[in-house]
């Protein structure tokens, strides 16, 4: 009798586990498309902060190139990710390059950097980081406008040797009480500019027929930074 009771309880537990797994699987299937669409909208909003709608006429999300394998170390990436192309009348006017600064104070700092055809920065946004609240988190546009200081900069503005924070003799401000975080971001943005300069022909001479889609995004335009503080 005792053994039968244990067997019965085991069957009940097994049945409960199967039902629970089924419910979870069903919930996942039902929400997967909604989650994917929400992620797409968030990604599109981040791209539009750097290259607004009036500066391109293609779909930034789908018109992409893969990051070359030999550029992964330069950009701080572990695997190839998408470089987004901004076109007007078929001509690539700007690229948005993913990058990770691995040497933030509290770890990796993920960002995207928009670079125009003439080599000037269209914008930089930090997407995720673990920097200290009140100090290093000022790389987040929600916390500070420091990140906007990259707009219009290039490898010649300032000179390459001045692409450092002021504490290191460069041209860029650091934060009071926090130098490591802005130093990491400045250095990685410079590396992105060097990557774009070295690959300018490949990035900006993509024929329109190579683009998978030439329809403008349907995501709502956003002026609020999508970066998050962890």
Protein backbone atom coordinates (compact mmCIF):
# COMPACT_ATOMS: atom_id res chain seq x y z
CA UNK A 1 0.00 0.00 0.00
CA UNK A 2 2.81 2.35 0.90
CA UNK A 3 4.58 1.65 -2.39
CA UNK A 4 1.35 2.24 -4.31
CA UNK A 5 0.95 5.64 -2.59
CA UNK A 6 4.48 6.67 -3.57
CA UNK A 7 3.86 5.55 -7.15
CA UNK A 8 0.61 7.49 -7.29
CA UNK A 9 2.28 10.65 -6.00
CA UNK A 10 5.06 10.24 -8.55
CA UNK A 11 2.52 9.97 -11.34
CA UNK A 12 0.71 13.06 -10.10
CA UNK A 13 3.97 15.02 -9.92
CA UNK A 14 4.92 13.85 -13.40
CA UNK A 15 1.53 14.85 -14.77
CA UNK A 16 1.79 18.24 -13.08
CA UNK A 17 5.26 18.77 -14.57
CA UNK A 18 3.98 17.91 -18.05
CA UNK A 19 1.01 20.26 -17.75
CA UNK A 20 3.22 23.06 -16.46
CA UNK A 21 5.71 22.54 -19.30
CA UNK A 22 2.85 22.58 -21.79
CA UNK A 23 1.46 25.82 -20.41
CA UNK A 24 4.90 27.46 -20.49
CA UNK A 25 5.52 26.27 -24.05
CA UNK A 26 2.11 27.52 -25.15
CA UNK A 27 2.70 30.91 -23.52
CA UNK A 28 6.10 31.19 -25.17
CA UNK A 29 4.70 30.36 -28.59
CA UNK A 30 1.86 32.85 -28.15
CA UNK A 31 4.13 35.70 -27.09
CA UNK A 32 7.20 34.97 -29.22
CA UNK A 33 6.01 37.07 -32.16
CA UNK A 34 5.00 39.91 -29.86
CA UNK A 35 8.40 39.86 -28.18
CA UNK A 36 10.20 39.78 -31.54
CA UNK A 37 8.16 42.73 -32.79
CA UNK A 38 8.84 44.70 -29.60
CA UNK A 39 12.56 44.05 -29.98
CA UNK A 40 12.37 45.17 -33.62
CA UNK A 41 10.61 48.39 -32.63
CA UNK A 42 13.21 49.11 -29.94
CA UNK A 43 16.08 48.48 -32.36
CA UNK A 44 14.49 50.71 -35.00
CA UNK A 45 13.98 53.49 -32.46
CA UNK A 46 17.66 53.37 -31.47
CA UNK A 47 18.76 53.58 -35.10
CA UNK A 48 16.38 56.49 -35.76
CA UNK A 49 17.94 58.46 -32.93
CA UNK A 50 21.19 58.50 -34.90
CA UNK A 51 19.84 58.72 -38.46
CA UNK A 52 16.36 60.35 -38.32
CA UNK A 53 13.71 59.61 -40.94
CA UNK A 54 14.35 62.80 -42.91
CA UNK A 55 17.96 61.71 -43.55
CA UNK A 56 17.23 58.39 -45.28
CA UNK A 57 14.54 56.67 -47.33
CA UNK A 58 15.31 52.97 -46.78
CA UNK A 59 14.65 50.44 -44.02
CA UNK A 60 17.57 50.74 -41.63
CA UNK A 61 16.77 47.45 -39.96
CA UNK A 62 16.87 45.25 -43.04
CA UNK A 63 19.43 47.08 -45.19
CA UNK A 64 22.59 45.72 -43.59
CA UNK A 65 26.05 44.30 -44.06
CA UNK A 66 27.75 41.81 -41.72
CA UNK A 67 30.74 42.97 -39.74
CA UNK A 68 33.82 41.36 -41.38
CA UNK A 69 35.43 38.63 -39.32
CA UNK A 70 38.77 40.43 -39.35
CA UNK A 71 37.16 43.50 -37.75
CA UNK A 72 35.62 41.76 -34.74
CA UNK A 73 38.55 42.49 -32.43
CA UNK A 74 38.69 46.14 -33.52
CA UNK A 75 35.00 46.60 -32.78
CA UNK A 76 35.12 44.54 -29.58
CA UNK A 77 32.62 41.99 -30.87
CA UNK A 78 32.60 38.25 -30.22
CA UNK A 79 30.67 37.43 -33.38
CA UNK A 80 29.61 39.18 -36.55
CA UNK A 81 26.71 41.61 -36.17
CA UNK A 82 24.84 43.84 -38.59
CA UNK A 83 26.10 47.17 -39.89
CA UNK A 84 23.04 49.22 -40.84
CA UNK A 85 23.11 51.31 -44.01
CA UNK A 86 21.27 54.62 -44.36
CA UNK A 87 20.48 55.45 -48.00
CA UNK A 88 18.95 58.32 -49.87
CA UNK A 89 17.92 57.65 -53.46
CA UNK A 90 19.94 54.44 -53.33
CA UNK A 91 23.19 56.07 -52.25
CA UNK A 92 24.65 55.07 -48.87
CA UNK A 93 24.95 58.29 -46.88
CA UNK A 94 25.76 56.86 -43.46
CA UNK A 95 26.44 53.60 -41.66
CA UNK A 96 25.57 52.57 -38.11
CA UNK A 97 28.22 50.28 -36.66
CA UNK A 98 27.82 48.09 -33.56
CA UNK A 99 30.72 48.08 -31.11
CA UNK A 100 31.59 47.06 -27.58
CA UNK A 101 34.07 48.80 -25.32
CA UNK A 102 35.32 45.87 -23.21
CA UNK A 103 37.15 48.00 -20.68
CA UNK A 104 34.45 49.94 -18.89
CA UNK A 105 34.81 50.32 -15.13
CA UNK A 106 32.17 47.64 -14.49
CA UNK A 107 32.46 45.64 -17.68
CA UNK A 108 31.52 45.84 -21.33
CA UNK A 109 29.75 48.89 -22.77
CA UNK A 110 27.66 48.14 -25.85
CA UNK A 111 27.05 50.97 -28.29
CA UNK A 112 26.18 51.90 -31.84
CA UNK A 113 28.06 54.56 -33.79
CA UNK A 114 26.68 56.35 -36.83
CA UNK A 115 29.25 57.61 -39.34
CA UNK A 116 28.42 59.75 -42.36
CA UNK A 117 29.93 59.38 -45.81
CA UNK A 118 32.32 62.29 -45.14
CA UNK A 119 33.68 60.57 -42.01
CA UNK A 120 31.84 62.70 -39.47
CA UNK A 121 29.97 61.08 -36.61
CA UNK A 122 26.20 61.23 -36.98
CA UNK A 123 25.67 60.09 -33.42
CA UNK A 124 26.66 57.63 -30.71
CA UNK A 125 24.33 55.79 -28.35
CA UNK A 126 25.21 53.46 -25.48
CA UNK A 127 22.73 50.58 -25.48
CA UNK A 128 23.72 48.61 -22.39
CA UNK A 129 26.27 48.97 -19.61
CA UNK A 130 26.92 48.17 -15.95
CA UNK A 131 28.58 51.43 -14.97
CA UNK A 132 28.23 52.97 -11.51
CA UNK A 133 25.02 54.99 -11.00
CA UNK A 134 25.78 58.68 -10.59
CA UNK A 135 29.27 58.31 -12.06
CA UNK A 136 29.95 56.12 -15.08
CA UNK A 137 26.31 55.88 -16.07
CA UNK A 138 26.58 59.39 -17.52
CA UNK A 139 27.37 57.68 -20.83
CA UNK A 140 23.61 57.03 -20.93
CA UNK A 141 21.73 59.89 -22.62
CA UNK A 142 19.02 59.57 -19.96
CA UNK A 143 21.59 60.57 -17.35
CA UNK A 144 23.72 63.11 -19.19
CA UNK A 145 24.17 64.74 -22.60
CA UNK A 146 27.89 63.83 -22.63
CA UNK A 147 27.40 61.28 -25.42
CA UNK A 148 26.12 64.05 -27.72
CA UNK A 149 29.60 65.57 -27.75
CA UNK A 150 30.68 63.06 -30.40
CA UNK A 151 28.31 64.50 -33.02
CA UNK A 152 30.25 66.01 -35.93
CA UNK A 153 33.59 64.65 -34.73
CA UNK A 154 35.91 62.73 -37.05
CA UNK A 155 39.43 61.34 -37.21
CA UNK A 156 40.58 64.85 -38.07
CA UNK A 157 38.40 66.61 -35.51
CA UNK A 158 40.19 66.29 -33.20
CA UNK A 159 43.43 64.80 -34.49
CA UNK A 160 43.89 61.09 -33.87
CA UNK A 161 46.37 61.69 -31.06
CA UNK A 162 43.78 63.85 -29.28
CA UNK A 163 41.13 61.13 -29.28
CA UNK A 164 41.57 60.73 -25.54
CA UNK A 165 40.00 62.16 -22.41
CA UNK A 166 41.48 65.38 -21.09
CA UNK A 167 43.07 63.61 -18.13
CA UNK A 168 45.16 61.69 -20.68
CA UNK A 169 46.01 64.85 -22.62
CA UNK A 170 43.16 64.54 -25.12
CA UNK A 171 40.18 66.62 -26.20
CA UNK A 172 37.25 64.86 -24.50
CA UNK A 173 35.81 65.59 -21.08
CA UNK A 174 35.75 62.91 -18.45
CA UNK A 175 33.26 62.70 -15.59
CA UNK A 176 33.98 64.06 -12.15
CA UNK A 177 35.20 61.09 -10.16
CA UNK A 178 35.00 58.74 -13.13
CA UNK A 179 37.58 58.55 -15.90
CA UNK A 180 37.66 54.88 -16.85
CA UNK A 181 34.17 54.83 -18.38
CA UNK A 182 34.52 57.84 -20.72
CA UNK A 183 38.04 56.71 -21.63
CA UNK A 184 36.68 53.33 -22.73
CA UNK A 185 33.91 54.93 -24.82
CA UNK A 186 36.20 57.50 -26.46
CA UNK A 187 38.74 54.84 -27.39
CA UNK A 188 36.10 52.54 -28.87
CA UNK A 189 34.43 55.32 -30.88
CA UNK A 190 37.84 56.15 -32.35
CA UNK A 191 38.31 52.50 -33.33
CA UNK A 192 34.94 52.56 -35.09
CA UNK A 193 36.01 55.64 -37.07
CA UNK A 194 39.24 53.91 -38.05
CA UNK A 195 37.29 50.82 -39.13
CA UNK A 196 34.95 52.92 -41.29
CA UNK A 197 37.86 54.85 -42.80
CA UNK A 198 39.72 51.66 -43.69
CA UNK A 199 36.59 50.06 -45.20
CA UNK A 200 35.01 53.16 -46.72
CA UNK A 201 34.70 51.80 -50.25
CA UNK A 202 33.09 48.55 -49.11
CA UNK A 203 30.65 50.28 -46.75
CA UNK A 204 29.56 53.21 -48.90
CA UNK A 205 29.57 51.75 -52.39
CA UNK A 206 26.88 49.13 -51.84
CA UNK A 207 24.58 49.04 -54.86
CA UNK A 208 20.88 49.55 -54.25
CA UNK A 209 20.08 46.15 -55.73
CA UNK A 210 22.09 44.59 -52.90
CA UNK A 211 19.66 45.99 -50.36
CA UNK A 212 17.01 43.54 -49.12
CA UNK A 213 14.41 46.29 -48.69
CA UNK A 214 14.06 49.94 -49.61
CA UNK A 215 11.01 50.78 -47.55
CA UNK A 216 11.19 53.21 -44.66
CA UNK A 217 10.74 51.87 -41.12
CA UNK A 218 7.32 51.56 -39.62
CA UNK A 219 8.62 51.91 -36.08
CA UNK A 220 7.65 55.13 -34.30
CA UNK A 221 10.32 57.80 -34.26
CA UNK A 222 11.86 58.26 -30.86
CA UNK A 223 13.90 61.06 -29.35
CA UNK A 224 14.49 59.21 -26.10
CA UNK A 225 17.60 57.15 -25.60
CA UNK A 226 17.03 53.41 -25.53
CA UNK A 227 20.12 52.66 -23.46
CA UNK A 228 19.60 50.91 -20.17
CA UNK A 229 21.34 51.11 -16.86
CA UNK A 230 22.00 47.77 -15.30
